[in-house]
PDBML (XML) file of the C-alpha atoms, coordinates in Angstrom:
<?xml version="1.0" encoding="UTF-8" ?>
<PDBx:datablock datablockName="MODEL"
   xmlns:PDBx="http://pdbml.pdb.org/schema/pdbx-v50.xsd"
   xmlns:xsi="http://www.w3.org/2001/XMLSchema-instance"
   xsi:schemaLocation="http://pdbml.pdb.org/schema/pdbx-v50.xsd pdbx-v50.xsd">
   <PDBx:atom_siteCategory>
      <PDBx:atom_site id="1">
         <PDBx:B_iso_or_equiv>0.00</PDBx:B_iso_or_equiv>
         <PDBx:Cartn_x>10.746</PDBx:Cartn_x>
         <PDBx:Cartn_y>10.512</PDBx:Cartn_y>
         <PDBx:Cartn_z>3.484</PDBx:Cartn_z>
         <PDBx:auth_asym_id>A</PDBx:auth_asym_id>
         <PDBx:auth_atom_id>CA</PDBx:auth_atom_id>
         <PDBx:auth_comp_id>UNK</PDBx:auth_comp_id>
         <PDBx:auth_seq_id>1</PDBx:auth_seq_id>
         <PDBx:group_PDB>ATOM</PDBx:group_PDB>
         <PDBx:label_alt_id xsi:nil="true" />
         <PDBx:label_asym_id>A</PDBx:label_asym_id>
         <PDBx:label_atom_id>CA</PDBx:label_atom_id>
         <PDBx:label_comp_id>UNK</PDBx:label_comp_id>
         <PDBx:label_entity_id>1</PDBx:label_entity_id>
         <PDBx:label_seq_id>1</PDBx:label_seq_id>
         <PDBx:occupancy>1.00</PDBx:occupancy>
         <PDBx:pdbx_PDB_model_num>1</PDBx:pdbx_PDB_model_num>
         <PDBx:type_symbol>C</PDBx:type_symbol>
      </PDBx:atom_site>
      <PDBx:atom_site id="2">
         <PDBx:B_iso_or_equiv>0.00</PDBx:B_iso_or_equiv>
         <PDBx:Cartn_x>11.323</PDBx:Cartn_x>
         <PDBx:Cartn_y>6.763</PDBx:Cartn_y>
         <PDBx:Cartn_z>3.198</PDBx:Cartn_z>
         <PDBx:auth_asym_id>A</PDBx:auth_asym_id>
         <PDBx:auth_atom_id>CA</PDBx:auth_atom_id>
         <PDBx:auth_comp_id>UNK</PDBx:auth_comp_id>
         <PDBx:auth_seq_id>2</PDBx:auth_seq_id>
         <PDBx:group_PDB>ATOM</PDBx:group_PDB>
         <PDBx:label_alt_id xsi:nil="true" />
         <PDBx:label_asym_id>A</PDBx:label_asym_id>
         <PDBx:label_atom_id>CA</PDBx:label_atom_id>
         <PDBx:label_comp_id>UNK</PDBx:label_comp_id>
         <PDBx:label_entity_id>1</PDBx:label_entity_id>
         <PDBx:label_seq_id>2</PDBx:label_seq_id>
         <PDBx:occupancy>1.00</PDBx:occupancy>
         <PDBx:pdbx_PDB_model_num>1</PDBx:pdbx_PDB_model_num>
         <PDBx:type_symbol>C</PDBx:type_symbol>
      </PDBx:atom_site>
      <PDBx:atom_site id="3">
         <PDBx:B_iso_or_equiv>0.00</PDBx:B_iso_or_equiv>
         <PDBx:Cartn_x>10.263</PDBx:Cartn_x>
         <PDBx:Cartn_y>6.278</PDBx:Cartn_y>
         <PDBx:Cartn_z>6.828</PDBx:Cartn_z>
         <PDBx:auth_asym_id>A</PDBx:auth_asym_id>
         <PDBx:auth_atom_id>CA</PDBx:auth_atom_id>
         <PDBx:auth_comp_id>UNK</PDBx:auth_comp_id>
         <PDBx:auth_seq_id>3</PDBx:auth_seq_id>
         <PDBx:group_PDB>ATOM</PDBx:group_PDB>
         <PDBx:label_alt_id xsi:nil="true" />
         <PDBx:label_asym_id>A</PDBx:label_asym_id>
         <PDBx:label_atom_id>CA</PDBx:label_atom_id>
         <PDBx:label_comp_id>UNK</PDBx:label_comp_id>
         <PDBx:label_entity_id>1</PDBx:label_entity_id>
         <PDBx:label_seq_id>3</PDBx:label_seq_id>
         <PDBx:occupancy>1.00</PDBx:occupancy>
         <PDBx:pdbx_PDB_model_num>1</PDBx:pdbx_PDB_model_num>
         <PDBx:type_symbol>C</PDBx:type_symbol>
      </PDBx:atom_site>
      <PDBx:atom_site id="4">
         <PDBx:B_iso_or_equiv>0.00</PDBx:B_iso_or_equiv>
         <PDBx:Cartn_x>7.088</PDBx:Cartn_x>
         <PDBx:Cartn_y>8.267</PDBx:Cartn_y>
         <PDBx:Cartn_z>6.189</PDBx:Cartn_z>
         <PDBx:auth_asym_id>A</PDBx:auth_asym_id>
         <PDBx:auth_atom_id>CA</PDBx:auth_atom_id>
         <PDBx:auth_comp_id>UNK</PDBx:auth_comp_id>
         <PDBx:auth_seq_id>4</PDBx:auth_seq_id>
         <PDBx:group_PDB>ATOM</PDBx:group_PDB>
         <PDBx:label_alt_id xsi:nil="true" />
         <PDBx:label_asym_id>A</PDBx:label_asym_id>
         <PDBx:label_atom_id>CA</PDBx:label_atom_id>
         <PDBx:label_comp_id>UNK</PDBx:label_comp_id>
         <PDBx:label_entity_id>1</PDBx:label_entity_id>
         <PDBx:label_seq_id>4</PDBx:label_seq_id>
         <PDBx:occupancy>1.00</PDBx:occupancy>
         <PDBx:pdbx_PDB_model_num>1</PDBx:pdbx_PDB_model_num>
         <PDBx:type_symbol>C</PDBx:type_symbol>
      </PDBx:atom_site>
      <PDBx:atom_site id="5">
         <PDBx:B_iso_or_equiv>0.00</PDBx:B_iso_or_equiv>
         <PDBx:Cartn_x>6.250</PDBx:Cartn_x>
         <PDBx:Cartn_y>6.075</PDBx:Cartn_y>
         <PDBx:Cartn_z>3.197</PDBx:Cartn_z>
         <PDBx:auth_asym_id>A</PDBx:auth_asym_id>
         <PDBx:auth_atom_id>CA</PDBx:auth_atom_id>
         <PDBx:auth_comp_id>UNK</PDBx:auth_comp_id>
         <PDBx:auth_seq_id>5</PDBx:auth_seq_id>
         <PDBx:group_PDB>ATOM</PDBx:group_PDB>
         <PDBx:label_alt_id xsi:nil="true" />
         <PDBx:label_asym_id>A</PDBx:label_asym_id>
         <PDBx:label_atom_id>CA</PDBx:label_atom_id>
         <PDBx:label_comp_id>UNK</PDBx:label_comp_id>
         <PDBx:label_entity_id>1</PDBx:label_entity_id>
         <PDBx:label_seq_id>5</PDBx:label_seq_id>
         <PDBx:occupancy>1.00</PDBx:occupancy>
         <PDBx:pdbx_PDB_model_num>1</PDBx:pdbx_PDB_model_num>
         <PDBx:type_symbol>C</PDBx:type_symbol>
      </PDBx:atom_site>
      <PDBx:atom_site id="6">
         <PDBx:B_iso_or_equiv>0.00</PDBx:B_iso_or_equiv>
         <PDBx:Cartn_x>6.833</PDBx:Cartn_x>
         <PDBx:Cartn_y>2.965</PDBx:Cartn_y>
         <PDBx:Cartn_z>5.313</PDBx:Cartn_z>
         <PDBx:auth_asym_id>A</PDBx:auth_asym_id>
         <PDBx:auth_atom_id>CA</PDBx:auth_atom_id>
         <PDBx:auth_comp_id>UNK</PDBx:auth_comp_id>
         <PDBx:auth_seq_id>6</PDBx:auth_seq_id>
         <PDBx:group_PDB>ATOM</PDBx:group_PDB>
         <PDBx:label_alt_id xsi:nil="true" />
         <PDBx:label_asym_id>A</PDBx:label_asym_id>
         <PDBx:label_atom_id>CA</PDBx:label_atom_id>
         <PDBx:label_comp_id>UNK</PDBx:label_comp_id>
         <PDBx:label_entity_id>1</PDBx:label_entity_id>
         <PDBx:label_seq_id>6</PDBx:label_seq_id>
         <PDBx:occupancy>1.00</PDBx:occupancy>
         <PDBx:pdbx_PDB_model_num>1</PDBx:pdbx_PDB_model_num>
         <PDBx:type_symbol>C</PDBx:type_symbol>
      </PDBx:atom_site>
      <PDBx:atom_site id="7">
         <PDBx:B_iso_or_equiv>0.00</PDBx:B_iso_or_equiv>
         <PDBx:Cartn_x>4.327</PDBx:Cartn_x>
         <PDBx:Cartn_y>4.293</PDBx:Cartn_y>
         <PDBx:Cartn_z>7.868</PDBx:Cartn_z>
         <PDBx:auth_asym_id>A</PDBx:auth_asym_id>
         <PDBx:auth_atom_id>CA</PDBx:auth_atom_id>
         <PDBx:auth_comp_id>UNK</PDBx:auth_comp_id>
         <PDBx:auth_seq_id>7</PDBx:auth_seq_id>
         <PDBx:group_PDB>ATOM</PDBx:group_PDB>
         <PDBx:label_alt_id xsi:nil="true" />
         <PDBx:label_asym_id>A</PDBx:label_asym_id>
         <PDBx:label_atom_id>CA</PDBx:label_atom_id>
         <PDBx:label_comp_id>UNK</PDBx:label_comp_id>
         <PDBx:label_entity_id>1</PDBx:label_entity_id>
         <PDBx:label_seq_id>7</PDBx:label_seq_id>
         <PDBx:occupancy>1.00</PDBx:occupancy>
         <PDBx:pdbx_PDB_model_num>1</PDBx:pdbx_PDB_model_num>
         <PDBx:type_symbol>C</PDBx:type_symbol>
      </PDBx:atom_site>
      <PDBx:atom_site id="8">
         <PDBx:B_iso_or_equiv>0.00</PDBx:B_iso_or_equiv>
         <PDBx:Cartn_x>1.727</PDBx:Cartn_x>
         <PDBx:Cartn_y>4.924</PDBx:Cartn_y>
         <PDBx:Cartn_z>5.156</PDBx:Cartn_z>
         <PDBx:auth_asym_id>A</PDBx:auth_asym_id>
         <PDBx:auth_atom_id>CA</PDBx:auth_atom_id>
         <PDBx:auth_comp_id>UNK</PDBx:auth_comp_id>
         <PDBx:auth_seq_id>8</PDBx:auth_seq_id>
         <PDBx:group_PDB>ATOM</PDBx:group_PDB>
         <PDBx:label_alt_id xsi:nil="true" />
         <PDBx:label_asym_id>A</PDBx:label_asym_id>
         <PDBx:label_atom_id>CA</PDBx:label_atom_id>
         <PDBx:label_comp_id>UNK</PDBx:label_comp_id>
         <PDBx:label_entity_id>1</PDBx:label_entity_id>
         <PDBx:label_seq_id>8</PDBx:label_seq_id>
         <PDBx:occupancy>1.00</PDBx:occupancy>
         <PDBx:pdbx_PDB_model_num>1</PDBx:pdbx_PDB_model_num>
         <PDBx:type_symbol>C</PDBx:type_symbol>
      </PDBx:atom_site>
      <PDBx:atom_site id="9">
         <PDBx:B_iso_or_equiv>0.00</PDBx:B_iso_or_equiv>
         <PDBx:Cartn_x>2.322</PDBx:Cartn_x>
         <PDBx:Cartn_y>1.427</PDBx:Cartn_y>
         <PDBx:Cartn_z>3.831</PDBx:Cartn_z>
         <PDBx:auth_asym_id>A</PDBx:auth_asym_id>
         <PDBx:auth_atom_id>CA</PDBx:auth_atom_id>
         <PDBx:auth_comp_id>UNK</PDBx:auth_comp_id>
         <PDBx:auth_seq_id>9</PDBx:auth_seq_id>
         <PDBx:group_PDB>ATOM</PDBx:group_PDB>
         <PDBx:label_alt_id xsi:nil="true" />
         <PDBx:label_asym_id>A</PDBx:label_asym_id>
         <PDBx:label_atom_id>CA</PDBx:label_atom_id>
         <PDBx:label_comp_id>UNK</PDBx:label_comp_id>
         <PDBx:label_entity_id>1</PDBx:label_entity_id>
         <PDBx:label_seq_id>9</PDBx:label_seq_id>
         <PDBx:occupancy>1.00</PDBx:occupancy>
         <PDBx:pdbx_PDB_model_num>1</PDBx:pdbx_PDB_model_num>
         <PDBx:type_symbol>C</PDBx:type_symbol>
      </PDBx:atom_site>
      <PDBx:atom_site id="10">
         <PDBx:B_iso_or_equiv>0.00</PDBx:B_iso_or_equiv>
         <PDBx:Cartn_x>1.858</PDBx:Cartn_x>
         <PDBx:Cartn_y>-0.065</PDBx:Cartn_y>
         <PDBx:Cartn_z>7.297</PDBx:Cartn_z>
         <PDBx:auth_asym_id>A</PDBx:auth_asym_id>
         <PDBx:auth_atom_id>CA</PDBx:auth_atom_id>
         <PDBx:auth_comp_id>UNK</PDBx:auth_comp_id>
         <PDBx:auth_seq_id>10</PDBx:auth_seq_id>
         <PDBx:group_PDB>ATOM</PDBx:group_PDB>
         <PDBx:label_alt_id xsi:nil="true" />
         <PDBx:label_asym_id>A</PDBx:label_asym_id>
         <PDBx:label_atom_id>CA</PDBx:label_atom_id>
         <PDBx:label_comp_id>UNK</PDBx:label_comp_id>
         <PDBx:label_entity_id>1</PDBx:label_entity_id>
         <PDBx:label_seq_id>10</PDBx:label_seq_id>
         <PDBx:occupancy>1.00</PDBx:occupancy>
         <PDBx:pdbx_PDB_model_num>1</PDBx:pdbx_PDB_model_num>
         <PDBx:type_symbol>C</PDBx:type_symbol>
      </PDBx:atom_site>
      <PDBx:atom_site id="11">
         <PDBx:B_iso_or_equiv>0.00</PDBx:B_iso_or_equiv>
         <PDBx:Cartn_x>-1.281</PDBx:Cartn_x>
         <PDBx:Cartn_y>2.008</PDBx:Cartn_y>
         <PDBx:Cartn_z>7.940</PDBx:Cartn_z>
         <PDBx:auth_asym_id>A</PDBx:auth_asym_id>
         <PDBx:auth_atom_id>CA</PDBx:auth_atom_id>
         <PDBx:auth_comp_id>UNK</PDBx:auth_comp_id>
         <PDBx:auth_seq_id>11</PDBx:auth_seq_id>
         <PDBx:group_PDB>ATOM</PDBx:group_PDB>
         <PDBx:label_alt_id xsi:nil="true" />
         <PDBx:label_asym_id>A</PDBx:label_asym_id>
         <PDBx:label_atom_id>CA</PDBx:label_atom_id>
         <PDBx:label_comp_id>UNK</PDBx:label_comp_id>
         <PDBx:label_entity_id>1</PDBx:label_entity_id>
         <PDBx:label_seq_id>11</PDBx:label_seq_id>
         <PDBx:occupancy>1.00</PDBx:occupancy>
         <PDBx:pdbx_PDB_model_num>1</PDBx:pdbx_PDB_model_num>
         <PDBx:type_symbol>C</PDBx:type_symbol>
      </PDBx:atom_site>
      <PDBx:atom_site id="12">
         <PDBx:B_iso_or_equiv>0.00</PDBx:B_iso_or_equiv>
         <PDBx:Cartn_x>-3.125</PDBx:Cartn_x>
         <PDBx:Cartn_y>0.306</PDBx:Cartn_y>
         <PDBx:Cartn_z>5.068</PDBx:Cartn_z>
         <PDBx:auth_asym_id>A</PDBx:auth_asym_id>
         <PDBx:auth_atom_id>CA</PDBx:auth_atom_id>
         <PDBx:auth_comp_id>UNK</PDBx:auth_comp_id>
         <PDBx:auth_seq_id>12</PDBx:auth_seq_id>
         <PDBx:group_PDB>ATOM</PDBx:group_PDB>
         <PDBx:label_alt_id xsi:nil="true" />
         <PDBx:label_asym_id>A</PDBx:label_asym_id>
         <PDBx:label_atom_id>CA</PDBx:label_atom_id>
         <PDBx:label_comp_id>UNK</PDBx:label_comp_id>
         <PDBx:label_entity_id>1</PDBx:label_entity_id>
         <PDBx:label_seq_id>12</PDBx:label_seq_id>
         <PDBx:occupancy>1.00</PDBx:occupancy>
         <PDBx:pdbx_PDB_model_num>1</PDBx:pdbx_PDB_model_num>
         <PDBx:type_symbol>C</PDBx:type_symbol>
      </PDBx:atom_site>
      <PDBx:atom_site id="13">
         <PDBx:B_iso_or_equiv>0.00</PDBx:B_iso_or_equiv>
         <PDBx:Cartn_x>-2.713</PDBx:Cartn_x>
         <PDBx:Cartn_y>-3.158</PDBx:Cartn_y>
         <PDBx:Cartn_z>6.656</PDBx:Cartn_z>
         <PDBx:auth_asym_id>A</PDBx:auth_asym_id>
         <PDBx:auth_atom_id>CA</PDBx:auth_atom_id>
         <PDBx:auth_comp_id>UNK</PDBx:auth_comp_id>
         <PDBx:auth_seq_id>13</PDBx:auth_seq_id>
         <PDBx:group_PDB>ATOM</PDBx:group_PDB>
         <PDBx:label_alt_id xsi:nil="true" />
         <PDBx:label_asym_id>A</PDBx:label_asym_id>
         <PDBx:label_atom_id>CA</PDBx:label_atom_id>
         <PDBx:label_comp_id>UNK</PDBx:label_comp_id>
         <PDBx:label_entity_id>1</PDBx:label_entity_id>
         <PDBx:label_seq_id>13</PDBx:label_seq_id>
         <PDBx:occupancy>1.00</PDBx:occupancy>
         <PDBx:pdbx_PDB_model_num>1</PDBx:pdbx_PDB_model_num>
         <PDBx:type_symbol>C</PDBx:type_symbol>
      </PDBx:atom_site>
      <PDBx:atom_site id="14">
         <PDBx:B_iso_or_equiv>0.00</PDBx:B_iso_or_equiv>
         <PDBx:Cartn_x>-3.104</PDBx:Cartn_x>
         <PDBx:Cartn_y>-4.572</PDBx:Cartn_y>
         <PDBx:Cartn_z>3.174</PDBx:Cartn_z>
         <PDBx:auth_asym_id>A</PDBx:auth_asym_id>
         <PDBx:auth_atom_id>CA</PDBx:auth_atom_id>
         <PDBx:auth_comp_id>UNK</PDBx:auth_comp_id>
         <PDBx:auth_seq_id>14</PDBx:auth_seq_id>
         <PDBx:group_PDB>ATOM</PDBx:group_PDB>
         <PDBx:label_alt_id xsi:nil="true" />
         <PDBx:label_asym_id>A</PDBx:label_asym_id>
         <PDBx:label_atom_id>CA</PDBx:label_atom_id>
         <PDBx:label_comp_id>UNK</PDBx:label_comp_id>
         <PDBx:label_entity_id>1</PDBx:label_entity_id>
         <PDBx:label_seq_id>14</PDBx:label_seq_id>
         <PDBx:occupancy>1.00</PDBx:occupancy>
         <PDBx:pdbx_PDB_model_num>1</PDBx:pdbx_PDB_model_num>
         <PDBx:type_symbol>C</PDBx:type_symbol>
      </PDBx:atom_site>
      <PDBx:atom_site id="15">
         <PDBx:B_iso_or_equiv>0.00</PDBx:B_iso_or_equiv>
         <PDBx:Cartn_x>-6.649</PDBx:Cartn_x>
         <PDBx:Cartn_y>-3.226</PDBx:Cartn_y>
         <PDBx:Cartn_z>2.784</PDBx:Cartn_z>
         <PDBx:auth_asym_id>A</PDBx:auth_asym_id>
         <PDBx:auth_atom_id>CA</PDBx:auth_atom_id>
         <PDBx:auth_comp_id>UNK</PDBx:auth_comp_id>
         <PDBx:auth_seq_id>15</PDBx:auth_seq_id>
         <PDBx:group_PDB>ATOM</PDBx:group_PDB>
         <PDBx:label_alt_id xsi:nil="true" />
         <PDBx:label_asym_id>A</PDBx:label_asym_id>
         <PDBx:label_atom_id>CA</PDBx:label_atom_id>
         <PDBx:label_comp_id>UNK</PDBx:label_comp_id>
         <PDBx:label_entity_id>1</PDBx:label_entity_id>
         <PDBx:label_seq_id>15</PDBx:label_seq_id>
         <PDBx:occupancy>1.00</PDBx:occupancy>
         <PDBx:pdbx_PDB_model_num>1</PDBx:pdbx_PDB_model_num>
         <PDBx:type_symbol>C</PDBx:type_symbol>
      </PDBx:atom_site>
      <PDBx:atom_site id="16">
         <PDBx:B_iso_or_equiv>0.00</PDBx:B_iso_or_equiv>
         <PDBx:Cartn_x>-5.727</PDBx:Cartn_x>
         <PDBx:Cartn_y>-0.861</PDBx:Cartn_y>
         <PDBx:Cartn_z>-0.080</PDBx:Cartn_z>
         <PDBx:auth_asym_id>A</PDBx:auth_asym_id>
         <PDBx:auth_atom_id>CA</PDBx:auth_atom_id>
         <PDBx:auth_comp_id>UNK</PDBx:auth_comp_id>
         <PDBx:auth_seq_id>16</PDBx:auth_seq_id>
         <PDBx:group_PDB>ATOM</PDBx:group_PDB>
         <PDBx:label_alt_id xsi:nil="true" />
         <PDBx:label_asym_id>A</PDBx:label_asym_id>
         <PDBx:label_atom_id>CA</PDBx:label_atom_id>
         <PDBx:label_comp_id>UNK</PDBx:label_comp_id>
         <PDBx:label_entity_id>1</PDBx:label_entity_id>
         <PDBx:label_seq_id>16</PDBx:label_seq_id>
         <PDBx:occupancy>1.00</PDBx:occupancy>
         <PDBx:pdbx_PDB_model_num>1</PDBx:pdbx_PDB_model_num>
         <PDBx:type_symbol>C</PDBx:type_symbol>
      </PDBx:atom_site>
      <PDBx:atom_site id="17">
         <PDBx:B_iso_or_equiv>0.00</PDBx:B_iso_or_equiv>
         <PDBx:Cartn_x>-4.374</PDBx:Cartn_x>
         <PDBx:Cartn_y>-1.833</PDBx:Cartn_y>
         <PDBx:Cartn_z>-3.463</PDBx:Cartn_z>
         <PDBx:auth_asym_id>A</PDBx:auth_asym_id>
         <PDBx:auth_atom_id>CA</PDBx:auth_atom_id>
         <PDBx:auth_comp_id>UNK</PDBx:auth_comp_id>
         <PDBx:auth_seq_id>17</PDBx:auth_seq_id>
         <PDBx:group_PDB>ATOM</PDBx:group_PDB>
         <PDBx:label_alt_id xsi:nil="true" />
         <PDBx:label_asym_id>A</PDBx:label_asym_id>
         <PDBx:label_atom_id>CA</PDBx:label_atom_id>
         <PDBx:label_comp_id>UNK</PDBx:label_comp_id>
         <PDBx:label_entity_id>1</PDBx:label_entity_id>
         <PDBx:label_seq_id>17</PDBx:label_seq_id>
         <PDBx:occupancy>1.00</PDBx:occupancy>
         <PDBx:pdbx_PDB_model_num>1</PDBx:pdbx_PDB_model_num>
         <PDBx:type_symbol>C</PDBx:type_symbol>
      </PDBx:atom_site>
      <PDBx:atom_site id="18">
         <PDBx:B_iso_or_equiv>0.00</PDBx:B_iso_or_equiv>
         <PDBx:Cartn_x>-4.339</PDBx:Cartn_x>
         <PDBx:Cartn_y>-0.932</PDBx:Cartn_y>
         <PDBx:Cartn_z>-7.157</PDBx:Cartn_z>
         <PDBx:auth_asym_id>A</PDBx:auth_asym_id>
         <PDBx:auth_atom_id>CA</PDBx:auth_atom_id>
         <PDBx:auth_comp_id>UNK</PDBx:auth_comp_id>
         <PDBx:auth_seq_id>18</PDBx:auth_seq_id>
         <PDBx:group_PDB>ATOM</PDBx:group_PDB>
         <PDBx:label_alt_id xsi:nil="true" />
         <PDBx:label_asym_id>A</PDBx:label_asym_id>
         <PDBx:label_atom_id>CA</PDBx:label_atom_id>
         <PDBx:label_comp_id>UNK</PDBx:label_comp_id>
         <PDBx:label_entity_id>1</PDBx:label_entity_id>
         <PDBx:label_seq_id>18</PDBx:label_seq_id>
         <PDBx:occupancy>1.00</PDBx:occupancy>
         <PDBx:pdbx_PDB_model_num>1</PDBx:pdbx_PDB_model_num>
         <PDBx:type_symbol>C</PDBx:type_symbol>
      </PDBx:atom_site>
      <PDBx:atom_site id="19">
         <PDBx:B_iso_or_equiv>0.00</PDBx:B_iso_or_equiv>
         <PDBx:Cartn_x>-6.508</PDBx:Cartn_x>
         <PDBx:Cartn_y>-3.294</PDBx:Cartn_y>
         <PDBx:Cartn_z>-9.196</PDBx:Cartn_z>
         <PDBx:auth_asym_id>A</PDBx:auth_asym_id>
         <PDBx:auth_atom_id>CA</PDBx:auth_atom_id>
         <PDBx:auth_comp_id>UNK</PDBx:auth_comp_id>
         <PDBx:auth_seq_id>19</PDBx:auth_seq_id>
         <PDBx:group_PDB>ATOM</PDBx:group_PDB>
         <PDBx:label_alt_id xsi:nil="true" />
         <PDBx:label_asym_id>A</PDBx:label_asym_id>
         <PDBx:label_atom_id>CA</PDBx:label_atom_id>
         <PDBx:label_comp_id>UNK</PDBx:label_comp_id>
         <PDBx:label_entity_id>1</PDBx:label_entity_id>
         <PDBx:label_seq_id>19</PDBx:label_seq_id>
         <PDBx:occupancy>1.00</PDBx:occupancy>
         <PDBx:pdbx_PDB_model_num>1</PDBx:pdbx_PDB_model_num>
         <PDBx:type_symbol>C</PDBx:type_symbol>
      </PDBx:atom_site>
      <PDBx:atom_site id="20">
         <PDBx:B_iso_or_equiv>0.00</PDBx:B_iso_or_equiv>
         <PDBx:Cartn_x>-5.096</PDBx:Cartn_x>
         <PDBx:Cartn_y>-4.165</PDBx:Cartn_y>
         <PDBx:Cartn_z>-12.614</PDBx:Cartn_z>
         <PDBx:auth_asym_id>A</PDBx:auth_asym_id>
         <PDBx:auth_atom_id>CA</PDBx:auth_atom_id>
         <PDBx:auth_comp_id>UNK</PDBx:auth_comp_id>
         <PDBx:auth_seq_id>20</PDBx:auth_seq_id>
         <PDBx:group_PDB>ATOM</PDBx:group_PDB>
         <PDBx:label_alt_id xsi:nil="true" />
         <PDBx:label_asym_id>A</PDBx:label_asym_id>
         <PDBx:label_atom_id>CA</PDBx:label_atom_id>
         <PDBx:label_comp_id>UNK</PDBx:label_comp_id>
         <PDBx:label_entity_id>1</PDBx:label_entity_id>
         <PDBx:label_seq_id>20</PDBx:label_seq_id>
         <PDBx:occupancy>1.00</PDBx:occupancy>
         <PDBx:pdbx_PDB_model_num>1</PDBx:pdbx_PDB_model_num>
         <PDBx:type_symbol>C</PDBx:type_symbol>
      </PDBx:atom_site>
      <PDBx:atom_site id="21">
         <PDBx:B_iso_or_equiv>0.00</PDBx:B_iso_or_equiv>
         <PDBx:Cartn_x>-7.726</PDBx:Cartn_x>
         <PDBx:Cartn_y>-6.791</PDBx:Cartn_y>
         <PDBx:Cartn_z>-13.434</PDBx:Cartn_z>
         <PDBx:auth_asym_id>A</PDBx:auth_asym_id>
         <PDBx:auth_atom_id>CA</PDBx:auth_atom_id>
         <PDBx:auth_comp_id>UNK</PDBx:auth_comp_id>
         <PDBx:auth_seq_id>21</PDBx:auth_seq_id>
         <PDBx:group_PDB>ATOM</PDBx:group_PDB>
         <PDBx:label_alt_id xsi:nil="true" />
         <PDBx:label_asym_id>A</PDBx:label_asym_id>
         <PDBx:label_atom_id>CA</PDBx:label_atom_id>
         <PDBx:label_comp_id>UNK</PDBx:label_comp_id>
         <PDBx:label_entity_id>1</PDBx:label_entity_id>
         <PDBx:label_seq_id>21</PDBx:label_seq_id>
         <PDBx:occupancy>1.00</PDBx:occupancy>
         <PDBx:pdbx_PDB_model_num>1</PDBx:pdbx_PDB_model_num>
         <PDBx:type_symbol>C</PDBx:type_symbol>
      </PDBx:atom_site>
      <PDBx:atom_site id="22">
         <PDBx:B_iso_or_equiv>0.00</PDBx:B_iso_or_equiv>
         <PDBx:Cartn_x>-5.376</PDBx:Cartn_x>
         <PDBx:Cartn_y>-9.785</PDBx:Cartn_y>
         <PDBx:Cartn_z>-13.698</PDBx:Cartn_z>
         <PDBx:auth_asym_id>A</PDBx:auth_asym_id>
         <PDBx:auth_atom_id>CA</PDBx:auth_atom_id>
         <PDBx:auth_comp_id>UNK</PDBx:auth_comp_id>
         <PDBx:auth_seq_id>22</PDBx:auth_seq_id>
         <PDBx:group_PDB>ATOM</PDBx:group_PDB>
         <PDBx:label_alt_id xsi:nil="true" />
         <PDBx:label_asym_id>A</PDBx:label_asym_id>
         <PDBx:label_atom_id>CA</PDBx:label_atom_id>
         <PDBx:label_comp_id>UNK</PDBx:label_comp_id>
         <PDBx:label_entity_id>1</PDBx:label_entity_id>
         <PDBx:label_seq_id>22</PDBx:label_seq_id>
         <PDBx:occupancy>1.00</PDBx:occupancy>
         <PDBx:pdbx_PDB_model_num>1</PDBx:pdbx_PDB_model_num>
         <PDBx:type_symbol>C</PDBx:type_symbol>
      </PDBx:atom_site>
      <PDBx:atom_site id="23">
         <PDBx:B_iso_or_equiv>0.00</PDBx:B_iso_or_equiv>
         <PDBx:Cartn_x>-3.364</PDBx:Cartn_x>
         <PDBx:Cartn_y>-8.766</PDBx:Cartn_y>
         <PDBx:Cartn_z>-10.635</PDBx:Cartn_z>
         <PDBx:auth_asym_id>A</PDBx:auth_asym_id>
         <PDBx:auth_atom_id>CA</PDBx:auth_atom_id>
         <PDBx:auth_comp_id>UNK</PDBx:auth_comp_id>
         <PDBx:auth_seq_id>23</PDBx:auth_seq_id>
         <PDBx:group_PDB>ATOM</PDBx:group_PDB>
         <PDBx:label_alt_id xsi:nil="true" />
         <PDBx:label_asym_id>A</PDBx:label_asym_id>
         <PDBx:label_atom_id>CA</PDBx:label_atom_id>
         <PDBx:label_comp_id>UNK</PDBx:label_comp_id>
         <PDBx:label_entity_id>1</PDBx:label_entity_id>
         <PDBx:label_seq_id>23</PDBx:label_seq_id>
         <PDBx:occupancy>1.00</PDBx:occupancy>
         <PDBx:pdbx_PDB_model_num>1</PDBx:pdbx_PDB_model_num>
         <PDBx:type_symbol>C</PDBx:type_symbol>
      </PDBx:atom_site>
      <PDBx:atom_site id="24">
         <PDBx:B_iso_or_equiv>0.00</PDBx:B_iso_or_equiv>
         <PDBx:Cartn_x>-3.354</PDBx:Cartn_x>
         <PDBx:Cartn_y>-6.369</PDBx:Cartn_y>
         <PDBx:Cartn_z>-7.706</PDBx:Cartn_z>
         <PDBx:auth_asym_id>A</PDBx:auth_asym_id>
         <PDBx:auth_atom_id>CA</PDBx:auth_atom_id>
         <PDBx:auth_comp_id>UNK</PDBx:auth_comp_id>
         <PDBx:auth_seq_id>24</PDBx:auth_seq_id>
         <PDBx:group_PDB>ATOM</PDBx:group_PDB>
         <PDBx:label_alt_id xsi:nil="true" />
         <PDBx:label_asym_id>A</PDBx:label_asym_id>
         <PDBx:label_atom_id>CA</PDBx:label_atom_id>
         <PDBx:label_comp_id>UNK</PDBx:label_comp_id>
         <PDBx:label_entity_id>1</PDBx:label_entity_id>
         <PDBx:label_seq_id>24</PDBx:label_seq_id>
         <PDBx:occupancy>1.00</PDBx:occupancy>
         <PDBx:pdbx_PDB_model_num>1</PDBx:pdbx_PDB_model_num>
         <PDBx:type_symbol>C</PDBx:type_symbol>
      </PDBx:atom_site>
   </PDBx:atom_siteCategory>
</PDBx:datablock>
């Protein structure tokens, strides 16, 4: 499960994020 999450994380290449106004 942890490896699968790591793959999903890598697949975003930093192009996806949660925007909390003052920080992401």
